[in-house]
């Protein structure tokens, strides 16, 4: 399943759309960025409520393909610009991390 297919299946809004629509290899859910650096997998999705530029920096370090921001959190312009520069998709959903994690798990199985 590609990033765009996952966004559509989740009913999520694509907020930063300049990225390679690659297949997702998995996902990791965390709001603690040091935890993401230690445990997220290459080419996966990051499911979080952390909507700031540092989230993009961490995603870049571990080669995350898409950041899924939950709870309809506002997305600062500097975050979206950093994601654009790095080619990382940013999508936003009204649902919480638990719900998104379960749905994405089911879609990627």
C-alpha atoms as a PDB file:
ATOM      1  CA  UNK A   1       0.000   0.000   0.000  1.00  0.00           C
ATOM      2  CA  UNK A   2       1.375   3.395  -0.974  1.00  0.00           C
ATOM      3  CA  UNK A   3       1.273   6.567   1.087  1.00  0.00           C
ATOM      4  CA  UNK A   4      -1.564   8.053  -0.970  1.00  0.00           C
ATOM      5  CA  UNK A   5      -3.557   4.805  -0.780  1.00  0.00           C
ATOM      6  CA  UNK A   6      -3.087   4.738   3.005  1.00  0.00           C
ATOM      7  CA  UNK A   7      -4.179   8.374   3.329  1.00  0.00           C
ATOM      8  CA  UNK A   8      -7.316   7.658   1.303  1.00  0.00           C
ATOM      9  CA  UNK A   9      -8.114   4.510   3.290  1.00  0.00           C
ATOM     10  CA  UNK A  10      -7.690   6.423   6.564  1.00  0.00           C
ATOM     11  CA  UNK A  11      -9.771   9.351   5.328  1.00  0.00           C
ATOM     12  CA  UNK A  12      -6.803  11.601   6.108  1.00  0.00           C
ATOM     13  CA  UNK A  13      -5.921  14.953   4.591  1.00  0.00           C
ATOM     14  CA  UNK A  14      -2.628  15.148   2.677  1.00  0.00           C
ATOM     15  CA  UNK A  15      -1.068  18.388   3.937  1.00  0.00           C
ATOM     16  CA  UNK A  16       2.376  18.100   2.330  1.00  0.00           C
ATOM     17  CA  UNK A  17       2.004  16.447  -1.058  1.00  0.00           C
ATOM     18  CA  UNK A  18       5.444  16.725  -2.633  1.00  0.00           C
ATOM     19  CA  UNK A  19       6.842  13.263  -1.949  1.00  0.00           C
ATOM     20  CA  UNK A  20       7.527   9.965  -3.656  1.00  0.00           C
ATOM     21  CA  UNK A  21       4.405   7.821  -3.311  1.00  0.00           C
ATOM     22  CA  UNK A  22       6.297   4.766  -2.147  1.00  0.00           C
ATOM     23  CA  UNK A  23       4.944   1.607  -0.512  1.00  0.00           C
ATOM     24  CA  UNK A  24       4.791   1.690   3.283  1.00  0.00           C
ATOM     25  CA  UNK A  25       6.894  -0.932   5.057  1.00  0.00           C
ATOM     26  CA  UNK A  26       5.158  -0.550   8.414  1.00  0.00           C
ATOM     27  CA  UNK A  27       4.385   2.068  11.029  1.00  0.00           C
ATOM     28  CA  UNK A  28       5.464   3.244  14.450  1.00  0.00           C
ATOM     29  CA  UNK A  29       3.343   5.133  16.969  1.00  0.00           C
ATOM     30  CA  UNK A  30       5.017   7.419  19.474  1.00  0.00           C
ATOM     31  CA  UNK A  31       5.037  10.984  20.734  1.00  0.00           C
ATOM     32  CA  UNK A  32       8.510  10.662  22.228  1.00  0.00           C
ATOM     33  CA  UNK A  33      10.935  11.553  19.441  1.00  0.00           C
ATOM     34  CA  UNK A  34      13.912   9.781  21.047  1.00  0.00           C
ATOM     35  CA  UNK A  35      11.786   6.609  21.072  1.00  0.00           C
ATOM     36  CA  UNK A  36      11.073   7.094  17.368  1.00  0.00           C
ATOM     37  CA  UNK A  37      14.802   7.444  16.647  1.00  0.00           C
ATOM     38  CA  UNK A  38      15.505   4.194  18.485  1.00  0.00           C
ATOM     39  CA  UNK A  39      12.663   2.049  17.177  1.00  0.00           C
ATOM     40  CA  UNK A  40      10.998   3.269  13.962  1.00  0.00           C
ATOM     41  CA  UNK A  41      11.651   1.331  10.785  1.00  0.00           C
ATOM     42  CA  UNK A  42      12.990   2.579   7.471  1.00  0.00           C
ATOM     43  CA  UNK A  43      10.259   3.482   4.969  1.00  0.00           C
ATOM     44  CA  UNK A  44       7.422   3.392   7.460  1.00  0.00           C
ATOM     45  CA  UNK A  45       4.858   5.806   8.812  1.00  0.00           C
ATOM     46  CA  UNK A  46       5.141   7.760  12.046  1.00  0.00           C
ATOM     47  CA  UNK A  47       1.818   8.107  13.865  1.00  0.00           C
ATOM     48  CA  UNK A  48       1.971  10.974  16.361  1.00  0.00           C
ATOM     49  CA  UNK A  49       0.524  14.197  17.726  1.00  0.00           C
ATOM     50  CA  UNK A  50       3.928  15.903  17.571  1.00  0.00           C
ATOM     51  CA  UNK A  51       3.325  18.582  14.940  1.00  0.00           C
ATOM     52  CA  UNK A  52       6.523  20.590  14.724  1.00  0.00           C
ATOM     53  CA  UNK A  53       9.735  20.896  12.747  1.00  0.00           C
ATOM     54  CA  UNK A  54      11.673  18.534  15.055  1.00  0.00           C
ATOM     55  CA  UNK A  55       9.324  15.718  14.087  1.00  0.00           C
ATOM     56  CA  UNK A  56      10.481  16.111  10.492  1.00  0.00           C
ATOM     57  CA  UNK A  57      14.134  16.116  11.575  1.00  0.00           C
ATOM     58  CA  UNK A  58      13.650  12.831  13.421  1.00  0.00           C
ATOM     59  CA  UNK A  59      11.710  11.334  10.501  1.00  0.00           C
ATOM     60  CA  UNK A  60      14.613  12.242   8.235  1.00  0.00           C
ATOM     61  CA  UNK A  61      17.120  10.553  10.556  1.00  0.00           C
ATOM     62  CA  UNK A  62      15.285   7.238  10.495  1.00  0.00           C
ATOM     63  CA  UNK A  63      14.009   7.499   6.905  1.00  0.00           C
ATOM     64  CA  UNK A  64      10.299   7.743   7.730  1.00  0.00           C
ATOM     65  CA  UNK A  65       8.188   8.140   4.572  1.00  0.00           C
ATOM     66  CA  UNK A  66       5.109   9.782   6.064  1.00  0.00           C
ATOM     67  CA  UNK A  67       4.178  11.567   9.267  1.00  0.00           C
ATOM     68  CA  UNK A  68       0.562  10.999  10.275  1.00  0.00           C
ATOM     69  CA  UNK A  69      -0.544  13.739  12.659  1.00  0.00           C
ATOM     70  CA  UNK A  70      -3.577  12.797  14.743  1.00  0.00           C
ATOM     71  CA  UNK A  71      -6.322  14.659  16.616  1.00  0.00           C
ATOM     72  CA  UNK A  72      -6.562  17.350  13.908  1.00  0.00           C
ATOM     73  CA  UNK A  73      -3.525  19.094  15.367  1.00  0.00           C
ATOM     74  CA  UNK A  74      -2.591  22.361  13.651  1.00  0.00           C
ATOM     75  CA  UNK A  75       0.445  22.057  11.404  1.00  0.00           C
ATOM     76  CA  UNK A  76       2.945  24.920  11.532  1.00  0.00           C
ATOM     77  CA  UNK A  77       4.215  26.226   8.219  1.00  0.00           C
ATOM     78  CA  UNK A  78       7.868  25.575   9.144  1.00  0.00           C
ATOM     79  CA  UNK A  79       7.037  21.895   9.698  1.00  0.00           C
ATOM     80  CA  UNK A  80       5.374  21.584   6.297  1.00  0.00           C
ATOM     81  CA  UNK A  81       8.244  23.436   4.619  1.00  0.00           C
ATOM     82  CA  UNK A  82      10.830  21.162   6.255  1.00  0.00           C
ATOM     83  CA  UNK A  83       8.846  18.084   5.192  1.00  0.00           C
ATOM     84  CA  UNK A  84       8.661  19.410   1.644  1.00  0.00           C
ATOM     85  CA  UNK A  85      12.425  19.990   1.596  1.00  0.00           C
ATOM     86  CA  UNK A  86      12.995  16.401   2.782  1.00  0.00           C
ATOM     87  CA  UNK A  87      10.319  14.794   0.573  1.00  0.00           C
ATOM     88  CA  UNK A  88       8.380  13.477   3.573  1.00  0.00           C
ATOM     89  CA  UNK A  89       4.604  13.277   3.289  1.00  0.00           C
ATOM     90  CA  UNK A  90       2.544  14.838   6.068  1.00  0.00           C
ATOM     91  CA  UNK A  91      -1.040  13.761   6.491  1.00  0.00           C
ATOM     92  CA  UNK A  92      -3.537  14.745   9.167  1.00  0.00           C
ATOM     93  CA  UNK A  93      -6.518  12.954  10.625  1.00  0.00           C
ATOM     94  CA  UNK A  94      -9.124  13.777  13.229  1.00  0.00           C
ATOM     95  CA  UNK A  95      -8.728  10.348  14.805  1.00  0.00           C
ATOM     96  CA  UNK A  96      -6.440   9.513  17.732  1.00  0.00           C
ATOM     97  CA  UNK A  97      -3.217   7.506  17.585  1.00  0.00           C
ATOM     98  CA  UNK A  98      -4.826   4.320  18.893  1.00  0.00           C
ATOM     99  CA  UNK A  99      -7.481   4.298  16.182  1.00  0.00           C
ATOM    100  CA  UNK A 100      -5.076   5.201  13.375  1.00  0.00           C
ATOM    101  CA  UNK A 101      -2.564   2.583  14.533  1.00  0.00           C
ATOM    102  CA  UNK A 102      -5.225  -0.131  14.504  1.00  0.00           C
ATOM    103  CA  UNK A 103      -6.549   0.850  11.107  1.00  0.00           C
ATOM    104  CA  UNK A 104      -3.099   1.081   9.534  1.00  0.00           C
ATOM    105  CA  UNK A 105      -2.089  -2.240  11.064  1.00  0.00           C
ATOM    106  CA  UNK A 106      -5.099  -3.852   9.431  1.00  0.00           C
ATOM    107  CA  UNK A 107      -4.362  -2.228   6.082  1.00  0.00           C
ATOM    108  CA  UNK A 108      -0.694  -3.265   6.040  1.00  0.00           C
ATOM    109  CA  UNK A 109      -1.159  -6.878   7.176  1.00  0.00           C
END
